[in-house]
Amino acid sequence: MKKLLFVLVTVFSFFSCTGRNHINISINKDYAIEPGTKWARIKEPLASYKREADFESETVAGGRKGEIEMIRGLSRNKGNTWYLLEKGWLSDESVDVYSNYLRAKNSN
């Protein structure tokens, strides 16, 4: 009887562990905290991405408050700091800068 109970418990344990949903943990490299990587979060209701780091430059795209992008470059022009993002250049008047993505995401 003990052997039968042991076999049943073993078989039940084996089959109860198979076929379960797996939890996939995905770590997107954009969330990585890397030294030197900065993130920009748009702070104005609407922002105009510029082709070049200048207010007189052509607008190439638009952005909305709360959008977050990795900073790809920096330029200082006529007393303003400009940040190169994926869609174009935004001035320091349009964005807040954060040291990592999670800080930018959780900011108000």
PDB file of N, CA and C in Angstrom:
ATOM      1  N   MET A   1       0.813  -1.195   0.000  1.00  0.00           N
ATOM      2  CA  MET A   1       0.000   0.000   0.000  1.00  0.00           C
ATOM      3  C   MET A   1       0.861   1.265   0.000  1.00  0.00           C
ATOM      4  N   LYS A   2       1.940   1.264   0.793  1.00  0.00           N
ATOM      5  CA  LYS A   2       2.833   2.411   0.851  1.00  0.00           C
ATOM      6  C   LYS A   2       3.522   2.609  -0.487  1.00  0.00           C
ATOM      7  N   LYS A   3       3.880   1.487  -1.145  1.00  0.00           N
ATOM      8  CA  LYS A   3       4.528   1.598  -2.450  1.00  0.00           C
ATOM      9  C   LYS A   3       3.558   2.193  -3.472  1.00  0.00           C
ATOM     10  N   LEU A   4       2.328   1.780  -3.457  1.00  0.00           N
ATOM     11  CA  LEU A   4       1.329   2.296  -4.381  1.00  0.00           C
ATOM     12  C   LEU A   4       1.100   3.784  -4.127  1.00  0.00           C
ATOM     13  N   LEU A   5       1.002   4.172  -2.889  1.00  0.00           N
ATOM     14  CA  LEU A   5       0.827   5.578  -2.542  1.00  0.00           C
ATOM     15  C   LEU A   5       2.025   6.405  -2.999  1.00  0.00           C
ATOM     16  N   PHE A   6       3.225   5.874  -2.790  1.00  0.00           N
ATOM     17  CA  PHE A   6       4.437   6.563  -3.216  1.00  0.00           C
ATOM     18  C   PHE A   6       4.457   6.737  -4.735  1.00  0.00           C
ATOM     19  N   VAL A   7       4.102   5.694  -5.466  1.00  0.00           N
ATOM     20  CA  VAL A   7       4.078   5.754  -6.932  1.00  0.00           C
ATOM     21  C   VAL A   7       3.032   6.764  -7.400  1.00  0.00           C
ATOM     22  N   LEU A   8       1.857   6.774  -6.795  1.00  0.00           N
ATOM     23  CA  LEU A   8       0.812   7.706  -7.185  1.00  0.00           C
ATOM     24  C   LEU A   8       1.221   9.160  -6.917  1.00  0.00           C
ATOM     25  N   VAL A   9       1.828   9.397  -5.765  1.00  0.00           N
ATOM     26  CA  VAL A   9       2.275  10.748  -5.426  1.00  0.00           C
ATOM     27  C   VAL A   9       3.372  11.198  -6.385  1.00  0.00           C
ATOM     28  N   THR A  10       4.282  10.292  -6.711  1.00  0.00           N
ATOM     29  CA  THR A  10       5.370  10.624  -7.631  1.00  0.00           C
ATOM     30  C   THR A  10       4.830  10.941  -9.023  1.00  0.00           C
ATOM     31  N   VAL A  11       3.922  10.108  -9.520  1.00  0.00           N
ATOM     32  CA  VAL A  11       3.340  10.321 -10.842  1.00  0.00           C
ATOM     33  C   VAL A  11       2.525  11.612 -10.848  1.00  0.00           C
ATOM     34  N   PHE A  12       1.731  11.834  -9.820  1.00  0.00           N
ATOM     35  CA  PHE A  12       0.935  13.051  -9.730  1.00  0.00           C
ATOM     36  C   PHE A  12       1.840  14.279  -9.712  1.00  0.00           C
ATOM     37  N   SER A  13       2.921  14.229  -8.942  1.00  0.00           N
ATOM     38  CA  SER A  13       3.844  15.362  -8.863  1.00  0.00           C
ATOM     39  C   SER A  13       4.481  15.644 -10.211  1.00  0.00           C
ATOM     40  N   PHE A  14       4.857  14.597 -10.925  1.00  0.00           N
ATOM     41  CA  PHE A  14       5.492  14.777 -12.222  1.00  0.00           C
ATOM     42  C   PHE A  14       4.537  15.431 -13.213  1.00  0.00           C
ATOM     43  N   PHE A  15       3.306  14.921 -13.300  1.00  0.00           N
ATOM     44  CA  PHE A  15       2.359  15.446 -14.269  1.00  0.00           C
ATOM     45  C   PHE A  15       1.777  16.808 -13.864  1.00  0.00           C
ATOM     46  N   SER A  16       1.764  17.101 -12.605  1.00  0.00           N
ATOM     47  CA  SER A  16       1.237  18.402 -12.184  1.00  0.00           C
ATOM     48  C   SER A  16       2.221  19.528 -12.498  1.00  0.00           C
ATOM     49  N   CYS A  17       3.483  19.206 -12.677  1.00  0.00           N
ATOM     50  CA  CYS A  17       4.481  20.229 -12.974  1.00  0.00           C
ATOM     51  C   CYS A  17       4.649  20.462 -14.465  1.00  0.00           C
ATOM     52  N   THR A  18       4.177  19.552 -15.291  1.00  0.00           N
ATOM     53  CA  THR A  18       4.333  19.735 -16.732  1.00  0.00           C
ATOM     54  C   THR A  18       3.121  20.454 -17.296  1.00  0.00           C
ATOM     55  N   GLY A  19       3.314  21.149 -18.375  1.00  0.00           N
ATOM     56  CA  GLY A  19       2.212  21.824 -19.043  1.00  0.00           C
ATOM     57  C   GLY A  19       1.792  23.130 -18.402  1.00  0.00           C
ATOM     58  N   ARG A  20       2.520  23.567 -17.432  1.00  0.00           N
ATOM     59  CA  ARG A  20       2.178  24.848 -16.799  1.00  0.00           C
ATOM     60  C   ARG A  20       2.627  25.994 -17.678  1.00  0.00           C
ATOM     61  N   ASN A  21       1.950  27.105 -17.521  1.00  0.00           N
ATOM     62  CA  ASN A  21       2.368  28.298 -18.241  1.00  0.00           C
ATOM     63  C   ASN A  21       3.703  28.764 -17.699  1.00  0.00           C
ATOM     64  N   HIS A  22       4.580  29.120 -18.602  1.00  0.00           N
ATOM     65  CA  HIS A  22       5.887  29.605 -18.203  1.00  0.00           C
ATOM     66  C   HIS A  22       5.841  31.123 -18.115  1.00  0.00           C
ATOM     67  N   ILE A  23       6.601  31.655 -17.223  1.00  0.00           N
ATOM     68  CA  ILE A  23       6.717  33.097 -17.094  1.00  0.00           C
ATOM     69  C   ILE A  23       7.977  33.518 -17.839  1.00  0.00           C
ATOM     70  N   ASN A  24       7.787  34.319 -18.853  1.00  0.00           N
ATOM     71  CA  ASN A  24       8.923  34.827 -19.610  1.00  0.00           C
ATOM     72  C   ASN A  24       9.297  36.195 -19.081  1.00  0.00           C
ATOM     73  N   ILE A  25      10.549  36.353 -18.772  1.00  0.00           N
ATOM     74  CA  ILE A  25      11.043  37.640 -18.318  1.00  0.00           C
ATOM     75  C   ILE A  25      11.830  38.246 -19.460  1.00  0.00           C
ATOM     76  N   SER A  26      11.341  39.377 -19.928  1.00  0.00           N
ATOM     77  CA  SER A  26      11.989  40.052 -21.048  1.00  0.00           C
ATOM     78  C   SER A  26      12.649  41.319 -20.534  1.00  0.00           C
ATOM     79  N   ILE A  27      13.926  41.408 -20.752  1.00  0.00           N
ATOM     80  CA  ILE A  27      14.655  42.611 -20.361  1.00  0.00           C
ATOM     81  C   ILE A  27      15.037  43.341 -21.632  1.00  0.00           C
ATOM     82  N   ASN A  28      14.366  44.439 -21.865  1.00  0.00           N
ATOM     83  CA  ASN A  28      14.630  45.243 -23.039  1.00  0.00           C
ATOM     84  C   ASN A  28      15.899  46.050 -22.787  1.00  0.00           C
ATOM     85  N   LYS A  29      16.832  46.022 -23.721  1.00  0.00           N
ATOM     86  CA  LYS A  29      18.097  46.718 -23.501  1.00  0.00           C
ATOM     87  C   LYS A  29      17.925  48.222 -23.370  1.00  0.00           C
ATOM     88  N   ASP A  30      16.785  48.773 -23.853  1.00  0.00           N
ATOM     89  CA  ASP A  30      16.546  50.204 -23.706  1.00  0.00           C
ATOM     90  C   ASP A  30      16.367  50.609 -22.247  1.00  0.00           C
ATOM     91  N   TYR A  31      16.023  49.658 -21.397  1.00  0.00           N
ATOM     92  CA  TYR A  31      15.825  49.951 -19.989  1.00  0.00           C
ATOM     93  C   TYR A  31      17.124  49.829 -19.195  1.00  0.00           C
ATOM     94  N   ALA A  32      18.158  49.374 -19.832  1.00  0.00           N
ATOM     95  CA  ALA A  32      19.417  49.158 -19.122  1.00  0.00           C
ATOM     96  C   ALA A  32      19.936  50.474 -18.565  1.00  0.00           C
ATOM     97  N   ILE A  33      20.549  50.353 -17.424  1.00  0.00           N
ATOM     98  CA  ILE A  33      21.165  51.534 -16.807  1.00  0.00           C
ATOM     99  C   ILE A  33      22.639  51.482 -17.170  1.00  0.00           C
ATOM    100  N   GLU A  34      23.012  52.282 -18.139  1.00  0.00           N
ATOM    101  CA  GLU A  34      24.381  52.305 -18.613  1.00  0.00           C
ATOM    102  C   GLU A  34      25.006  53.650 -18.287  1.00  0.00           C
ATOM    103  N   PRO A  35      26.246  53.639 -17.862  1.00  0.00           N
ATOM    104  CA  PRO A  35      26.909  54.919 -17.599  1.00  0.00           C
ATOM    105  C   PRO A  35      26.950  55.771 -18.863  1.00  0.00           C
ATOM    106  N   GLY A  36      26.589  57.015 -18.734  1.00  0.00           N
ATOM    107  CA  GLY A  36      26.636  57.929 -19.857  1.00  0.00           C
ATOM    108  C   GLY A  36      25.370  58.003 -20.681  1.00  0.00           C
ATOM    109  N   THR A  37      24.449  57.062 -20.498  1.00  0.00           N
ATOM    110  CA  THR A  37      23.191  57.092 -21.248  1.00  0.00           C
ATOM    111  C   THR A  37      22.211  57.998 -20.530  1.00  0.00           C
ATOM    112  N   LYS A  38      21.656  58.944 -21.260  1.00  0.00           N
ATOM    113  CA  LYS A  38      20.678  59.882 -20.698  1.00  0.00           C
ATOM    114  C   LYS A  38      19.369  59.750 -21.468  1.00  0.00           C
ATOM    115  N   TRP A  39      18.291  60.099 -20.796  1.00  0.00           N
ATOM    116  CA  TRP A  39      16.949  60.002 -21.379  1.00  0.00           C
ATOM    117  C   TRP A  39      16.255  61.342 -21.298  1.00  0.00           C
ATOM    118  N   ALA A  40      15.505  61.687 -22.333  1.00  0.00           N
ATOM    119  CA  ALA A  40      14.764  62.941 -22.382  1.00  0.00           C
ATOM    120  C   ALA A  40      13.275  62.641 -22.329  1.00  0.00           C
ATOM    121  N   ARG A  41      12.563  63.402 -21.500  1.00  0.00           N
ATOM    122  CA  ARG A  41      11.102  63.287 -21.396  1.00  0.00           C
ATOM    123  C   ARG A  41      10.514  64.644 -21.765  1.00  0.00           C
ATOM    124  N   ILE A  42       9.622  64.653 -22.745  1.00  0.00           N
ATOM    125  CA  ILE A  42       9.025  65.910 -23.193  1.00  0.00           C
ATOM    126  C   ILE A  42       8.154  66.489 -22.077  1.00  0.00           C
ATOM    127  N   LYS A  43       8.365  67.788 -21.776  1.00  0.00           N
ATOM    128  CA  LYS A  43       7.621  68.420 -20.683  1.00  0.00           C
ATOM    129  C   LYS A  43       6.566  69.405 -21.171  1.00  0.00           C
ATOM    130  N   GLU A  44       6.546  69.705 -22.458  1.00  0.00           N
ATOM    131  CA  GLU A  44       5.543  70.609 -23.020  1.00  0.00           C
ATOM    132  C   GLU A  44       4.393  69.793 -23.612  1.00  0.00           C
ATOM    133  N   PRO A  45       3.205  70.378 -23.711  1.00  0.00           N
ATOM    134  CA  PRO A  45       2.083  69.635 -24.319  1.00  0.00           C
ATOM    135  C   PRO A  45       2.403  69.155 -25.737  1.00  0.00           C
ATOM    136  N   LEU A  46       3.051  70.003 -26.526  1.00  0.00           N
ATOM    137  CA  LEU A  46       3.481  69.647 -27.877  1.00  0.00           C
ATOM    138  C   LEU A  46       4.893  70.162 -28.086  1.00  0.00           C
ATOM    139  N   ALA A  47       5.720  69.364 -28.747  1.00  0.00           N
ATOM    140  CA  ALA A  47       7.096  69.772 -29.023  1.00  0.00           C
ATOM    141  C   ALA A  47       7.393  69.552 -30.500  1.00  0.00           C
ATOM    142  N   SER A  48       8.197  70.439 -31.073  1.00  0.00           N
ATOM    143  CA  SER A  48       8.583  70.338 -32.482  1.00  0.00           C
ATOM    144  C   SER A  48      10.029  69.874 -32.594  1.00  0.00           C
ATOM    145  N   TYR A  49      10.207  68.701 -33.177  1.00  0.00           N
ATOM    146  CA  TYR A  49      11.555  68.204 -33.445  1.00  0.00           C
ATOM    147  C   TYR A  49      12.113  68.980 -34.639  1.00  0.00           C
ATOM    148  N   LYS A  50      13.342  69.450 -34.519  1.00  0.00           N
ATOM    149  CA  LYS A  50      13.973  70.245 -35.563  1.00  0.00           C
ATOM    150  C   LYS A  50      15.019  69.412 -36.310  1.00  0.00           C
ATOM    151  N   ARG A  51      15.228  69.778 -37.583  1.00  0.00           N
ATOM    152  CA  ARG A  51      16.224  69.080 -38.400  1.00  0.00           C
ATOM    153  C   ARG A  51      17.635  69.357 -37.879  1.00  0.00           C
ATOM    154  N   GLU A  52      17.868  70.597 -37.427  1.00  0.00           N
ATOM    155  CA  GLU A  52      19.162  70.998 -36.875  1.00  0.00           C
ATOM    156  C   GLU A  52      18.939  71.629 -35.511  1.00  0.00           C
ATOM    157  N   ALA A  53      20.002  71.808 -34.764  1.00  0.00           N
ATOM    158  CA  ALA A  53      19.925  72.360 -33.410  1.00  0.00           C
ATOM    159  C   ALA A  53      19.764  73.877 -33.448  1.00  0.00           C
ATOM    160  N   ASP A  54      18.599  74.327 -33.921  1.00  0.00           N
ATOM    161  CA  ASP A  54      18.327  75.760 -34.051  1.00  0.00           C
ATOM    162  C   ASP A  54      16.817  75.959 -34.127  1.00  0.00           C
ATOM    163  N   PHE A  55      16.314  77.004 -33.456  1.00  0.00           N
ATOM    164  CA  PHE A  55      14.872  77.280 -33.476  1.00  0.00           C
ATOM    165  C   PHE A  55      14.382  77.632 -34.877  1.00  0.00           C
ATOM    166  N   GLU A  56      15.252  78.177 -35.709  1.00  0.00           N
ATOM    167  CA  GLU A  56      14.875  78.566 -37.063  1.00  0.00           C
ATOM    168  C   GLU A  56      14.873  77.388 -38.035  1.00  0.00           C
ATOM    169  N   SER A  57      15.364  76.253 -37.602  1.00  0.00           N
ATOM    170  CA  SER A  57      15.452  75.073 -38.466  1.00  0.00           C
ATOM    171  C   SER A  57      14.066  74.494 -38.756  1.00  0.00           C
ATOM    172  N   GLU A  58      13.986  73.723 -39.818  1.00  0.00           N
ATOM    173  CA  GLU A  58      12.736  73.095 -40.242  1.00  0.00           C
ATOM    174  C   GLU A  58      12.240  72.078 -39.211  1.00  0.00           C
ATOM    175  N   THR A  59      10.947  72.070 -38.974  1.00  0.00           N
ATOM    176  CA  THR A  59      10.329  71.068 -38.092  1.00  0.00           C
ATOM    177  C   THR A  59      10.166  69.771 -38.882  1.00  0.00           C
ATOM    178  N   VAL A  60      10.641  68.666 -38.311  1.00  0.00           N
ATOM    179  CA  VAL A  60      10.587  67.385 -39.016  1.00  0.00           C
ATOM    180  C   VAL A  60       9.620  66.390 -38.381  1.00  0.00           C
ATOM    181  N   ALA A  61       9.230  66.633 -37.128  1.00  0.00           N
ATOM    182  CA  ALA A  61       8.302  65.728 -36.443  1.00  0.00           C
ATOM    183  C   ALA A  61       7.735  66.439 -35.222  1.00  0.00           C
ATOM    184  N   GLY A  62       6.723  65.837 -34.644  1.00  0.00           N
ATOM    185  CA  GLY A  62       6.117  66.379 -33.434  1.00  0.00           C
ATOM    186  C   GLY A  62       6.135  65.361 -32.315  1.00  0.00           C
ATOM    187  N   GLY A  63       6.107  65.853 -31.090  1.00  0.00           N
ATOM    188  CA  GLY A  63       6.081  64.985 -29.924  1.00  0.00           C
ATOM    189  C   GLY A  63       5.101  65.514 -28.901  1.00  0.00           C
ATOM    190  N   ARG A  64       4.692  64.637 -27.995  1.00  0.00           N
ATOM    191  CA  ARG A  64       3.728  65.020 -26.962  1.00  0.00           C
ATOM    192  C   ARG A  64       4.320  64.878 -25.567  1.00  0.00           C
ATOM    193  N   LYS A  65       3.722  65.580 -24.662  1.00  0.00           N
ATOM    194  CA  LYS A  65       4.161  65.563 -23.267  1.00  0.00           C
ATOM    195  C   LYS A  65       4.195  64.124 -22.751  1.00  0.00           C
ATOM    196  N   GLY A  66       5.297  63.780 -22.092  1.00  0.00           N
ATOM    197  CA  GLY A  66       5.445  62.462 -21.488  1.00  0.00           C
ATOM    198  C   GLY A  66       6.194  61.454 -22.336  1.00  0.00           C
ATOM    199  N   GLU A  67       6.394  61.740 -23.629  1.00  0.00           N
ATOM    200  CA  GLU A  67       7.155  60.818 -24.473  1.00  0.00           C
ATOM    201  C   GLU A  67       8.611  60.800 -24.022  1.00  0.00           C
ATOM    202  N   ILE A  68       9.211  59.603 -24.053  1.00  0.00           N
ATOM    203  CA  ILE A  68      10.575  59.420 -23.566  1.00  0.00           C
ATOM    204  C   ILE A  68      11.433  58.837 -24.685  1.00  0.00           C
ATOM    205  N   GLU A  69      12.617  59.411 -24.862  1.00  0.00           N
ATOM    206  CA  GLU A  69      13.568  58.919 -25.861  1.00  0.00           C
ATOM    207  C   GLU A  69      14.983  58.985 -25.310  1.00  0.00           C
ATOM    208  N   MET A  70      15.827  58.096 -25.809  1.00  0.00           N
ATOM    209  CA  MET A  70      17.235  58.105 -25.439  1.00  0.00           C
ATOM    210  C   MET A  70      17.935  59.258 -26.161  1.00  0.00           C
ATOM    211  N   ILE A  71      18.781  59.968 -25.450  1.00  0.00           N
ATOM    212  CA  ILE A  71      19.537  61.073 -26.032  1.00  0.00           C
ATOM    213  C   ILE A  71      20.712  60.500 -26.810  1.00  0.00           C
ATOM    214  N   ARG A  72      20.822  60.910 -28.078  1.00  0.00           N
ATOM    215  CA  ARG A  72      21.857  60.390 -28.970  1.00  0.00           C
ATOM    216  C   ARG A  72      22.980  61.393 -29.225  1.00  0.00           C
ATOM    217  N   GLY A  73      22.719  62.654 -28.899  1.00  0.00           N
ATOM    218  CA  GLY A  73      23.732  63.676 -29.111  1.00  0.00           C
ATOM    219  C   GLY A  73      23.369  64.961 -28.402  1.00  0.00           C
ATOM    220  N   LEU A  74      24.324  65.876 -28.356  1.00  0.00           N
ATOM    221  CA  LEU A  74      24.152  67.131 -27.625  1.00  0.00           C
ATOM    222  C   LEU A  74      24.825  68.254 -28.401  1.00  0.00           C
ATOM    223  N   SER A  75      24.199  69.422 -28.394  1.00  0.00           N
ATOM    224  CA  SER A  75      24.781  70.597 -29.045  1.00  0.00           C
ATOM    225  C   SER A  75      24.415  71.837 -28.234  1.00  0.00           C
ATOM    226  N   ARG A  76      25.364  72.751 -28.139  1.00  0.00           N
ATOM    227  CA  ARG A  76      25.102  74.030 -27.486  1.00  0.00           C
ATOM    228  C   ARG A  76      25.129  75.095 -28.580  1.00  0.00           C
ATOM    229  N   ASN A  77      24.016  75.832 -28.682  1.00  0.00           N
ATOM    230  CA  ASN A  77      23.867  76.782 -29.773  1.00  0.00           C
ATOM    231  C   ASN A  77      23.147  78.031 -29.266  1.00  0.00           C
ATOM    232  N   LYS A  78      23.790  79.167 -29.358  1.00  0.00           N
ATOM    233  CA  LYS A  78      23.185  80.453 -28.992  1.00  0.00           C
ATOM    234  C   LYS A  78      22.605  80.454 -27.575  1.00  0.00           C
ATOM    235  N   GLY A  79      23.333  79.875 -26.642  1.00  0.00           N
ATOM    236  CA  GLY A  79      22.899  79.878 -25.253  1.00  0.00           C
ATOM    237  C   GLY A  79      21.904  78.786 -24.895  1.00  0.00           C
ATOM    238  N   ASN A  80      21.523  77.957 -25.834  1.00  0.00           N
ATOM    239  CA  ASN A  80      20.594  76.856 -25.571  1.00  0.00           C
ATOM    240  C   ASN A  80      21.312  75.520 -25.711  1.00  0.00           C
ATOM    241  N   THR A  81      20.829  74.547 -24.972  1.00  0.00           N
ATOM    242  CA  THR A  81      21.322  73.186 -25.118  1.00  0.00           C
ATOM    243  C   THR A  81      20.294  72.414 -25.923  1.00  0.00           C
ATOM    244  N   TRP A  82      20.758  71.701 -26.930  1.00  0.00           N
ATOM    245  CA  TRP A  82      19.899  70.906 -27.798  1.00  0.00           C
ATOM    246  C   TRP A  82      20.259  69.440 -27.661  1.00  0.00           C
ATOM    247  N   TYR A  83      19.240  68.594 -27.694  1.00  0.00           N
ATOM    248  CA  TYR A  83      19.427  67.157 -27.574  1.00  0.00           C
ATOM    249  C   TYR A  83      18.983  66.475 -28.858  1.00  0.00           C
ATOM    250  N   LEU A  84      19.850  65.624 -29.398  1.00  0.00           N
ATOM    251  CA  LEU A  84      19.513  64.849 -30.583  1.00  0.00           C
ATOM    252  C   LEU A  84      18.803  63.582 -30.134  1.00  0.00           C
ATOM    253  N   LEU A  85      17.581  63.425 -30.603  1.00  0.00           N
ATOM    254  CA  LEU A  85      16.781  62.248 -30.300  1.00  0.00           C
ATOM    255  C   LEU A  85      16.509  61.509 -31.608  1.00  0.00           C
ATOM    256  N   GLU A  86      15.785  60.434 -31.551  1.00  0.00           N
ATOM    257  CA  GLU A  86      15.536  59.629 -32.747  1.00  0.00           C
ATOM    258  C   GLU A  86      14.826  60.416 -33.853  1.00  0.00           C
ATOM    259  N   LYS A  87      13.875  61.275 -33.473  1.00  0.00           N
ATOM    260  CA  LYS A  87      13.084  62.012 -34.466  1.00  0.00           C
ATOM    261  C   LYS A  87      13.713  63.328 -34.895  1.00  0.00           C
ATOM    262  N   GLY A  88      14.688  63.821 -34.150  1.00  0.00           N
ATOM    263  CA  GLY A  88      15.311  65.106 -34.463  1.00  0.00           C
ATOM    264  C   GLY A  88      15.830  65.789 -33.207  1.00  0.00           C
ATOM    265  N   TRP A  89      16.032  67.095 -33.289  1.00  0.00           N
ATOM    266  CA  TRP A  89      16.583  67.885 -32.190  1.00  0.00           C
ATOM    267  C   TRP A  89      15.472  68.554 -31.373  1.00  0.00           C
ATOM    268  N   LEU A  90      15.616  68.532 -30.044  1.00  0.00           N
ATOM    269  CA  LEU A  90      14.733  69.274 -29.147  1.00  0.00           C
ATOM    270  C   LEU A  90      15.598  70.110 -28.209  1.00  0.00           C
ATOM    271  N   SER A  91      15.113  71.306 -27.876  1.00  0.00           N
ATOM    272  CA  SER A  91      15.873  72.180 -26.973  1.00  0.00           C
ATOM    273  C   SER A  91      15.619  71.796 -25.517  1.00  0.00           C
ATOM    274  N   ASP A  92      16.488  72.308 -24.662  1.00  0.00           N
ATOM    275  CA  ASP A  92      16.341  72.050 -23.228  1.00  0.00           C
ATOM    276  C   ASP A  92      15.067  72.666 -22.664  1.00  0.00           C
ATOM    277  N   GLU A  93      14.460  73.588 -23.396  1.00  0.00           N
ATOM    278  CA  GLU A  93      13.190  74.177 -22.967  1.00  0.00           C
ATOM    279  C   GLU A  93      12.031  73.199 -23.124  1.00  0.00           C
ATOM    280  N   SER A  94      12.209  72.181 -23.950  1.00  0.00           N
ATOM    281  CA  SER A  94      11.129  71.229 -24.245  1.00  0.00           C
ATOM    282  C   SER A  94      11.221  69.926 -23.465  1.00  0.00           C
ATOM    283  N   VAL A  95      12.388  69.633 -22.899  1.00  0.00           N
ATOM    284  CA  VAL A  95      12.580  68.326 -22.263  1.00  0.00           C
ATOM    285  C   VAL A  95      13.208  68.436 -20.885  1.00  0.00           C
ATOM    286  N   ASP A  96      12.966  67.418 -20.088  1.00  0.00           N
ATOM    287  CA  ASP A  96      13.707  67.194 -18.854  1.00  0.00           C
ATOM    288  C   ASP A  96      14.627  66.009 -19.116  1.00  0.00           C
ATOM    289  N   VAL A  97      15.821  66.028 -18.538  1.00  0.00           N
ATOM    290  CA  VAL A  97      16.814  64.989 -18.779  1.00  0.00           C
ATOM    291  C   VAL A  97      16.978  64.144 -17.517  1.00  0.00           C
ATOM    292  N   TYR A  98      17.053  62.818 -17.721  1.00  0.00           N
ATOM    293  CA  TYR A  98      17.169  61.870 -16.620  1.00  0.00           C
ATOM    294  C   TYR A  98      18.326  60.911 -16.875  1.00  0.00           C
ATOM    295  N   SER A  99      18.864  60.360 -15.796  1.00  0.00           N
ATOM    296  CA  SER A  99      20.021  59.476 -15.905  1.00  0.00           C
ATOM    297  C   SER A  99      19.661  58.060 -16.352  1.00  0.00           C
ATOM    298  N   ASN A 100      18.392  57.668 -16.236  1.00  0.00           N
ATOM    299  CA  ASN A 100      17.976  56.366 -16.751  1.00  0.00           C
ATOM    300  C   ASN A 100      16.489  56.377 -17.114  1.00  0.00           C
ATOM    301  N   TYR A 101      16.089  55.360 -17.852  1.00  0.00           N
ATOM    302  CA  TYR A 101      14.723  55.315 -18.379  1.00  0.00           C
ATOM    303  C   TYR A 101      13.667  55.264 -17.271  1.00  0.00           C
ATOM    304  N   LEU A 102      13.930  54.485 -16.233  1.00  0.00           N
ATOM    305  CA  LEU A 102      12.921  54.326 -15.177  1.00  0.00           C
ATOM    306  C   LEU A 102      12.665  55.643 -14.444  1.00  0.00           C
ATOM    307  N   ARG A 103      13.691  56.429 -14.237  1.00  0.00           N
ATOM    308  CA  ARG A 103      13.487  57.740 -13.601  1.00  0.00           C
ATOM    309  C   ARG A 103      12.640  58.639 -14.492  1.00  0.00           C
ATOM    310  N   ALA A 104      12.924  58.598 -15.780  1.00  0.00           N
ATOM    311  CA  ALA A 104      12.126  59.410 -16.719  1.00  0.00           C
ATOM    312  C   ALA A 104      10.682  58.936 -16.736  1.00  0.00           C
ATOM    313  N   LYS A 105      10.488  57.647 -16.729  1.00  0.00           N
ATOM    314  CA  LYS A 105       9.131  57.088 -16.780  1.00  0.00           C
ATOM    315  C   LYS A 105       8.330  57.409 -15.525  1.00  0.00           C
ATOM    316  N   ASN A 106       8.989  57.386 -14.376  1.00  0.00           N
ATOM    317  CA  ASN A 106       8.281  57.580 -13.111  1.00  0.00           C
ATOM    318  C   ASN A 106       8.225  59.035 -12.662  1.00  0.00           C
ATOM    319  N   SER A 107       8.754  59.957 -13.458  1.00  0.00           N
ATOM    320  CA  SER A 107       8.711  61.361 -13.080  1.00  0.00           C
ATOM    321  C   SER A 107       7.320  61.932 -13.356  1.00  0.00           C
ATOM    322  N   ASN A 108       7.016  63.033 -12.724  1.00  0.00           N
ATOM    323  CA  ASN A 108       5.704  63.667 -12.927  1.00  0.00           C
ATOM    324  C   ASN A 108       5.807  64.821 -13.866  1.00  0.00           C
TER     325      ASN A 108
END
